[in-house]
Amino acid sequence: QVRLQQSGPGLVKPWQTLSLTCAVSGASITSEYYFWSWIRQAPGKGTEWIGAISYSGSTYYRPSLKSRTSISRDTSKNQFTLRVKSVTFEDTAVYYCGRGRYEDGCSGHGCPDTLNEYGYRGQGTQVTVSS
């Protein structure tokens, strides 16, 4: 059974860095051909894919967020981490991690925005940007 467990603070101050970690069990993050993704849903909006780190360690980002976003991994702990710097109120959202595949629509250009495309995903973390 594949399980993704998210952790990280739910409150971040403006202009600080948001950091969330997704610990994976039941599958290796280095196994071919998965894309370990972050997706978010802001209030009143649809879900949007933020970025991903692939089984090989390559990273892919949504162009509009690329300058502020980084995704890294710790293979010894089988987990991957999202960081979004210089957050604003517009970064307030529920954040999800998920496992994507080529069959789900992932490629070198990114992964789907739709959360249902991810067969396995984390429980979601409400992150609020507030002073």
N, C-alpha and C. Protein backbone atom coordinates (compact mmCIF):
# COMPACT_ATOMS: atom_id res chain seq x y z
N GLN A 1 0.84 -1.19 0.00
CA GLN A 1 0.00 0.00 0.00
C GLN A 1 0.89 1.25 0.00
N VAL A 2 0.68 2.08 -1.00
CA VAL A 2 1.45 3.32 -1.11
C VAL A 2 0.78 4.38 -0.24
N ARG A 3 1.59 5.07 0.53
CA ARG A 3 1.06 6.12 1.39
C ARG A 3 1.96 7.33 1.32
N LEU A 4 1.32 8.50 1.22
CA LEU A 4 2.05 9.77 1.20
C LEU A 4 1.59 10.57 2.42
N GLN A 5 2.52 10.92 3.26
CA GLN A 5 2.23 11.62 4.50
C GLN A 5 2.89 12.99 4.48
N GLN A 6 2.06 14.02 4.52
CA GLN A 6 2.58 15.39 4.46
C GLN A 6 2.86 15.93 5.86
N SER A 7 3.85 16.82 5.93
CA SER A 7 4.12 17.51 7.19
C SER A 7 4.65 18.90 6.87
N GLY A 8 4.43 19.80 7.81
CA GLY A 8 4.89 21.16 7.63
C GLY A 8 3.93 22.13 8.27
N PRO A 9 4.38 23.37 8.48
CA PRO A 9 3.55 24.36 9.16
C PRO A 9 2.36 24.80 8.34
N GLY A 10 1.29 25.14 9.04
CA GLY A 10 0.09 25.59 8.37
C GLY A 10 -0.03 27.09 8.29
N LEU A 11 0.90 27.79 8.92
CA LEU A 11 0.87 29.25 8.93
C LEU A 11 2.25 29.78 8.59
N VAL A 12 2.28 30.63 7.59
CA VAL A 12 3.54 31.22 7.14
C VAL A 12 3.34 32.73 7.02
N LYS A 13 4.33 33.48 7.42
CA LYS A 13 4.22 34.94 7.33
C LYS A 13 4.59 35.41 5.93
N PRO A 14 4.03 36.50 5.51
CA PRO A 14 4.38 37.04 4.18
C PRO A 14 5.88 37.23 4.03
N TRP A 15 6.34 36.91 2.81
CA TRP A 15 7.74 37.05 2.42
C TRP A 15 8.66 36.00 3.04
N GLN A 16 8.10 35.10 3.84
CA GLN A 16 8.90 34.00 4.33
C GLN A 16 8.81 32.82 3.37
N THR A 17 9.47 31.74 3.73
CA THR A 17 9.50 30.55 2.87
C THR A 17 8.58 29.47 3.41
N LEU A 18 7.71 29.00 2.53
CA LEU A 18 6.83 27.87 2.83
C LEU A 18 7.61 26.59 2.58
N SER A 19 7.54 25.66 3.52
CA SER A 19 8.26 24.40 3.36
C SER A 19 7.36 23.24 3.80
N LEU A 20 7.12 22.31 2.89
CA LEU A 20 6.31 21.13 3.17
C LEU A 20 7.07 19.89 2.72
N THR A 21 6.93 18.83 3.50
CA THR A 21 7.59 17.57 3.18
C THR A 21 6.56 16.48 2.99
N CYS A 22 6.83 15.59 2.06
CA CYS A 22 5.96 14.46 1.78
C CYS A 22 6.78 13.18 1.96
N ALA A 23 6.46 12.42 2.97
CA ALA A 23 7.14 11.15 3.23
C ALA A 23 6.37 10.02 2.56
N VAL A 24 7.08 9.22 1.80
CA VAL A 24 6.45 8.16 1.02
C VAL A 24 6.76 6.80 1.62
N SER A 25 5.75 5.99 1.74
CA SER A 25 5.94 4.59 2.16
C SER A 25 5.23 3.69 1.17
N GLY A 26 5.74 2.47 1.02
CA GLY A 26 5.14 1.52 0.10
C GLY A 26 5.63 1.64 -1.33
N ALA A 27 6.48 2.60 -1.60
CA ALA A 27 7.07 2.79 -2.93
C ALA A 27 8.33 3.61 -2.76
N SER A 28 9.27 3.41 -3.68
CA SER A 28 10.50 4.18 -3.63
C SER A 28 10.40 5.38 -4.55
N ILE A 29 10.86 6.53 -4.08
CA ILE A 29 10.79 7.73 -4.91
C ILE A 29 11.80 7.69 -6.05
N THR A 30 12.68 6.67 -6.06
CA THR A 30 13.62 6.52 -7.16
C THR A 30 13.16 5.46 -8.17
N SER A 31 12.00 4.89 -7.93
CA SER A 31 11.49 3.87 -8.85
C SER A 31 10.99 4.51 -10.14
N GLU A 32 11.33 3.86 -11.26
CA GLU A 32 10.85 4.35 -12.55
C GLU A 32 9.34 4.15 -12.63
N TYR A 33 8.59 4.93 -13.26
CA TYR A 33 8.86 6.22 -13.88
C TYR A 33 7.91 7.22 -13.24
N TYR A 34 8.12 7.48 -11.96
CA TYR A 34 7.19 8.34 -11.23
C TYR A 34 7.67 9.79 -11.17
N PHE A 35 6.68 10.67 -11.09
CA PHE A 35 6.90 12.09 -10.90
C PHE A 35 6.24 12.46 -9.58
N TRP A 36 7.03 12.83 -8.62
CA TRP A 36 6.52 13.14 -7.29
C TRP A 36 6.20 14.63 -7.26
N SER A 37 4.91 14.89 -7.20
CA SER A 37 4.41 16.24 -7.48
C SER A 37 3.84 16.95 -6.27
N TRP A 38 3.75 18.27 -6.42
CA TRP A 38 3.01 19.12 -5.50
C TRP A 38 1.92 19.84 -6.29
N ILE A 39 0.74 19.86 -5.71
CA ILE A 39 -0.43 20.49 -6.31
C ILE A 39 -1.09 21.32 -5.21
N ARG A 40 -1.74 22.40 -5.60
CA ARG A 40 -2.40 23.21 -4.58
C ARG A 40 -3.76 23.70 -5.08
N GLN A 41 -4.59 24.06 -4.13
CA GLN A 41 -5.90 24.62 -4.45
C GLN A 41 -6.15 25.82 -3.56
N ALA A 42 -6.17 26.98 -4.17
CA ALA A 42 -6.44 28.22 -3.44
C ALA A 42 -7.95 28.37 -3.25
N PRO A 43 -8.36 29.14 -2.27
CA PRO A 43 -9.80 29.33 -2.02
C PRO A 43 -10.54 29.82 -3.25
N GLY A 44 -11.59 29.12 -3.60
CA GLY A 44 -12.41 29.55 -4.72
C GLY A 44 -11.82 29.29 -6.09
N LYS A 45 -10.71 28.57 -6.14
CA LYS A 45 -10.05 28.30 -7.43
C LYS A 45 -9.87 26.81 -7.64
N GLY A 46 -9.53 26.44 -8.85
CA GLY A 46 -9.25 25.04 -9.16
C GLY A 46 -7.85 24.65 -8.71
N THR A 47 -7.57 23.37 -8.83
CA THR A 47 -6.25 22.90 -8.44
C THR A 47 -5.23 23.26 -9.51
N GLU A 48 -4.01 23.49 -9.09
CA GLU A 48 -2.93 23.75 -10.03
C GLU A 48 -1.68 22.99 -9.61
N TRP A 49 -1.05 22.41 -10.59
CA TRP A 49 0.20 21.71 -10.37
C TRP A 49 1.30 22.73 -10.14
N ILE A 50 2.12 22.51 -9.11
CA ILE A 50 3.20 23.43 -8.77
C ILE A 50 4.52 22.98 -9.37
N GLY A 51 4.82 21.71 -9.20
CA GLY A 51 6.08 21.19 -9.68
C GLY A 51 6.25 19.74 -9.30
N ALA A 52 7.35 19.14 -9.76
CA ALA A 52 7.59 17.73 -9.48
C ALA A 52 9.08 17.44 -9.50
N ILE A 53 9.41 16.36 -8.81
CA ILE A 53 10.76 15.79 -8.91
C ILE A 53 10.59 14.36 -9.39
N SER A 54 11.34 14.01 -10.41
CA SER A 54 11.14 12.69 -11.01
C SER A 54 11.96 11.62 -10.29
N TYR A 55 11.74 10.39 -10.71
CA TYR A 55 12.46 9.25 -10.15
C TYR A 55 13.98 9.42 -10.30
N SER A 56 14.40 10.15 -11.32
CA SER A 56 15.83 10.35 -11.58
C SER A 56 16.38 11.57 -10.86
N GLY A 57 15.52 12.34 -10.23
CA GLY A 57 15.95 13.55 -9.53
C GLY A 57 15.80 14.82 -10.33
N SER A 58 15.33 14.72 -11.55
CA SER A 58 15.07 15.91 -12.35
C SER A 58 13.87 16.65 -11.79
N THR A 59 13.92 17.98 -11.90
CA THR A 59 12.82 18.79 -11.37
C THR A 59 12.12 19.55 -12.49
N TYR A 60 10.84 19.76 -12.31
CA TYR A 60 9.98 20.44 -13.27
C TYR A 60 9.09 21.38 -12.50
N TYR A 61 8.88 22.58 -13.01
CA TYR A 61 8.09 23.56 -12.30
C TYR A 61 7.09 24.23 -13.21
N ARG A 62 5.98 24.66 -12.61
CA ARG A 62 5.03 25.50 -13.32
C ARG A 62 5.75 26.80 -13.66
N PRO A 63 5.71 27.22 -14.88
CA PRO A 63 6.49 28.41 -15.27
C PRO A 63 6.21 29.64 -14.41
N SER A 64 4.95 29.84 -14.05
CA SER A 64 4.61 31.05 -13.30
C SER A 64 5.13 31.01 -11.87
N LEU A 65 5.52 29.84 -11.38
CA LEU A 65 6.01 29.70 -10.00
C LEU A 65 7.49 29.33 -9.94
N LYS A 66 8.08 29.13 -11.08
CA LYS A 66 9.43 28.58 -11.13
C LYS A 66 10.46 29.42 -10.37
N SER A 67 10.32 30.73 -10.45
CA SER A 67 11.34 31.59 -9.84
C SER A 67 11.32 31.53 -8.32
N ARG A 68 10.19 31.07 -7.73
CA ARG A 68 10.09 31.05 -6.27
C ARG A 68 10.04 29.65 -5.69
N THR A 69 10.08 28.63 -6.53
CA THR A 69 9.81 27.27 -6.08
C THR A 69 11.02 26.37 -6.24
N SER A 70 11.21 25.49 -5.28
CA SER A 70 12.21 24.44 -5.43
C SER A 70 11.66 23.16 -4.79
N ILE A 71 11.98 22.05 -5.42
CA ILE A 71 11.61 20.74 -4.90
C ILE A 71 12.87 19.91 -4.79
N SER A 72 13.07 19.32 -3.64
CA SER A 72 14.25 18.49 -3.41
C SER A 72 13.81 17.15 -2.83
N ARG A 73 14.74 16.24 -2.72
CA ARG A 73 14.40 14.94 -2.16
C ARG A 73 15.51 14.43 -1.26
N ASP A 74 15.12 13.55 -0.36
CA ASP A 74 16.07 12.85 0.50
C ASP A 74 15.79 11.36 0.28
N THR A 75 16.60 10.75 -0.53
CA THR A 75 16.35 9.35 -0.87
C THR A 75 16.56 8.42 0.33
N SER A 76 17.39 8.84 1.27
CA SER A 76 17.61 7.99 2.45
C SER A 76 16.37 7.92 3.33
N LYS A 77 15.56 8.98 3.26
CA LYS A 77 14.32 9.02 4.03
C LYS A 77 13.09 8.77 3.16
N ASN A 78 13.34 8.62 1.85
CA ASN A 78 12.23 8.41 0.89
C ASN A 78 11.18 9.50 1.01
N GLN A 79 11.63 10.74 0.93
CA GLN A 79 10.71 11.86 1.04
C GLN A 79 11.16 13.00 0.12
N PHE A 80 10.24 13.88 -0.18
CA PHE A 80 10.57 15.03 -1.01
C PHE A 80 9.93 16.27 -0.40
N THR A 81 10.55 17.41 -0.69
CA THR A 81 10.20 18.65 0.00
C THR A 81 9.95 19.78 -0.99
N LEU A 82 8.89 20.52 -0.71
CA LEU A 82 8.55 21.71 -1.48
C LEU A 82 8.95 22.95 -0.70
N ARG A 83 9.57 23.88 -1.38
CA ARG A 83 9.84 25.20 -0.79
C ARG A 83 9.37 26.28 -1.76
N VAL A 84 8.60 27.19 -1.23
CA VAL A 84 8.15 28.35 -1.99
C VAL A 84 8.59 29.58 -1.21
N LYS A 85 9.44 30.37 -1.80
CA LYS A 85 9.98 31.53 -1.10
C LYS A 85 9.17 32.77 -1.39
N SER A 86 9.36 33.75 -0.51
CA SER A 86 8.70 35.06 -0.67
C SER A 86 7.19 34.93 -0.86
N VAL A 87 6.55 34.16 0.01
CA VAL A 87 5.12 33.91 -0.14
C VAL A 87 4.31 35.18 0.08
N THR A 88 3.16 35.22 -0.59
CA THR A 88 2.19 36.29 -0.40
C THR A 88 0.84 35.65 -0.06
N PHE A 89 -0.15 36.51 0.15
CA PHE A 89 -1.47 36.00 0.49
C PHE A 89 -2.02 35.08 -0.61
N GLU A 90 -1.58 35.29 -1.83
CA GLU A 90 -2.05 34.46 -2.94
C GLU A 90 -1.52 33.04 -2.89
N ASP A 91 -0.56 32.79 -2.03
CA ASP A 91 -0.06 31.42 -1.86
C ASP A 91 -0.86 30.65 -0.82
N THR A 92 -1.83 31.29 -0.21
CA THR A 92 -2.72 30.58 0.72
C THR A 92 -3.52 29.55 -0.05
N ALA A 93 -3.44 28.29 0.38
CA ALA A 93 -4.07 27.20 -0.36
C ALA A 93 -3.96 25.91 0.45
N VAL A 94 -4.68 24.92 -0.02
CA VAL A 94 -4.46 23.56 0.47
C VAL A 94 -3.44 22.92 -0.47
N TYR A 95 -2.38 22.43 0.10
CA TYR A 95 -1.29 21.86 -0.68
C TYR A 95 -1.34 20.33 -0.56
N TYR A 96 -1.15 19.67 -1.71
CA TYR A 96 -1.15 18.21 -1.75
C TYR A 96 0.13 17.71 -2.42
N CYS A 97 0.63 16.60 -1.95
CA CYS A 97 1.65 15.90 -2.71
C CYS A 97 0.98 14.72 -3.40
N GLY A 98 1.56 14.28 -4.50
CA GLY A 98 0.94 13.20 -5.24
C GLY A 98 1.95 12.48 -6.11
N ARG A 99 1.61 11.26 -6.47
CA ARG A 99 2.46 10.47 -7.35
C ARG A 99 1.89 10.48 -8.76
N GLY A 100 2.63 11.03 -9.69
CA GLY A 100 2.19 11.06 -11.07
C GLY A 100 3.00 10.11 -11.93
N ARG A 101 2.45 9.76 -13.06
CA ARG A 101 3.11 8.86 -14.01
C ARG A 101 2.94 9.40 -15.42
N TYR A 102 3.69 8.83 -16.35
CA TYR A 102 3.48 9.20 -17.75
C TYR A 102 2.04 8.92 -18.14
N GLU A 103 1.48 7.81 -17.68
CA GLU A 103 0.11 7.46 -18.02
C GLU A 103 -0.91 8.46 -17.49
N ASP A 104 -0.53 9.19 -16.47
CA ASP A 104 -1.43 10.18 -15.87
C ASP A 104 -1.32 11.53 -16.56
N GLY A 105 -0.36 11.63 -17.48
CA GLY A 105 -0.19 12.89 -18.20
C GLY A 105 1.07 13.63 -17.86
N CYS A 106 1.94 13.06 -17.04
CA CYS A 106 3.21 13.70 -16.71
C CYS A 106 4.20 13.57 -17.86
N SER A 107 5.03 14.58 -18.04
CA SER A 107 6.06 14.56 -19.07
C SER A 107 7.12 15.57 -18.67
N GLY A 108 8.05 15.80 -19.58
CA GLY A 108 9.06 16.81 -19.33
C GLY A 108 8.50 18.22 -19.26
N HIS A 109 7.24 18.36 -19.63
CA HIS A 109 6.60 19.67 -19.58
C HIS A 109 5.79 19.88 -18.31
N GLY A 110 5.69 18.85 -17.50
CA GLY A 110 4.94 18.97 -16.26
C GLY A 110 3.94 17.87 -16.06
N CYS A 111 3.07 18.06 -15.11
CA CYS A 111 2.07 17.07 -14.75
C CYS A 111 0.69 17.73 -14.71
N PRO A 112 -0.36 16.93 -14.65
CA PRO A 112 -1.71 17.51 -14.69
C PRO A 112 -2.02 18.41 -13.50
N ASP A 113 -2.93 19.34 -13.73
CA ASP A 113 -3.43 20.18 -12.65
C ASP A 113 -4.49 19.48 -11.82
N THR A 114 -5.17 18.53 -12.43
CA THR A 114 -6.31 17.89 -11.78
C THR A 114 -5.85 16.89 -10.74
N LEU A 115 -6.30 17.06 -9.52
CA LEU A 115 -5.87 16.21 -8.42
C LEU A 115 -6.26 14.76 -8.63
N ASN A 116 -7.38 14.53 -9.27
CA ASN A 116 -7.85 13.15 -9.46
C ASN A 116 -6.95 12.33 -10.37
N GLU A 117 -6.07 13.00 -11.13
CA GLU A 117 -5.16 12.26 -12.00
C GLU A 117 -4.07 11.53 -11.22
N TYR A 118 -3.90 11.89 -9.97
CA TYR A 118 -2.85 11.30 -9.15
C TYR A 118 -3.42 10.13 -8.36
N GLY A 119 -2.93 8.95 -8.65
CA GLY A 119 -3.49 7.77 -8.01
C GLY A 119 -3.26 7.72 -6.51
N TYR A 120 -2.16 8.27 -6.10
CA TYR A 120 -1.85 8.34 -4.68
C TYR A 120 -1.50 9.77 -4.34
N ARG A 121 -2.04 10.27 -3.24
CA ARG A 121 -1.76 11.63 -2.84
C ARG A 121 -1.80 11.76 -1.33
N GLY A 122 -1.21 12.84 -0.85
CA GLY A 122 -1.21 13.08 0.57
C GLY A 122 -2.54 13.59 1.07
N GLN A 123 -2.58 13.81 2.36
CA GLN A 123 -3.85 14.18 3.01
C GLN A 123 -4.22 15.65 2.82
N GLY A 124 -3.29 16.42 2.30
CA GLY A 124 -3.56 17.85 2.14
C GLY A 124 -3.15 18.63 3.37
N THR A 125 -2.56 19.78 3.14
CA THR A 125 -2.15 20.67 4.23
C THR A 125 -2.67 22.07 3.93
N GLN A 126 -3.47 22.59 4.81
CA GLN A 126 -3.91 23.98 4.66
C GLN A 126 -2.75 24.89 5.07
N VAL A 127 -2.31 25.70 4.14
CA VAL A 127 -1.27 26.67 4.43
C VAL A 127 -1.87 28.06 4.28
N THR A 128 -1.81 28.82 5.32
CA THR A 128 -2.32 30.18 5.33
C THR A 128 -1.16 31.15 5.46
N VAL A 129 -1.13 32.11 4.56
CA VAL A 129 -0.12 33.16 4.63
C VAL A 129 -0.75 34.35 5.33
N SER A 130 -0.23 34.67 6.50
CA SER A 130 -0.81 35.74 7.29
C SER A 130 0.24 36.29 8.25
N SER A 131 0.15 37.58 8.48
CA SER A 131 1.07 38.18 9.44
C SER A 131 0.51 38.12 10.86
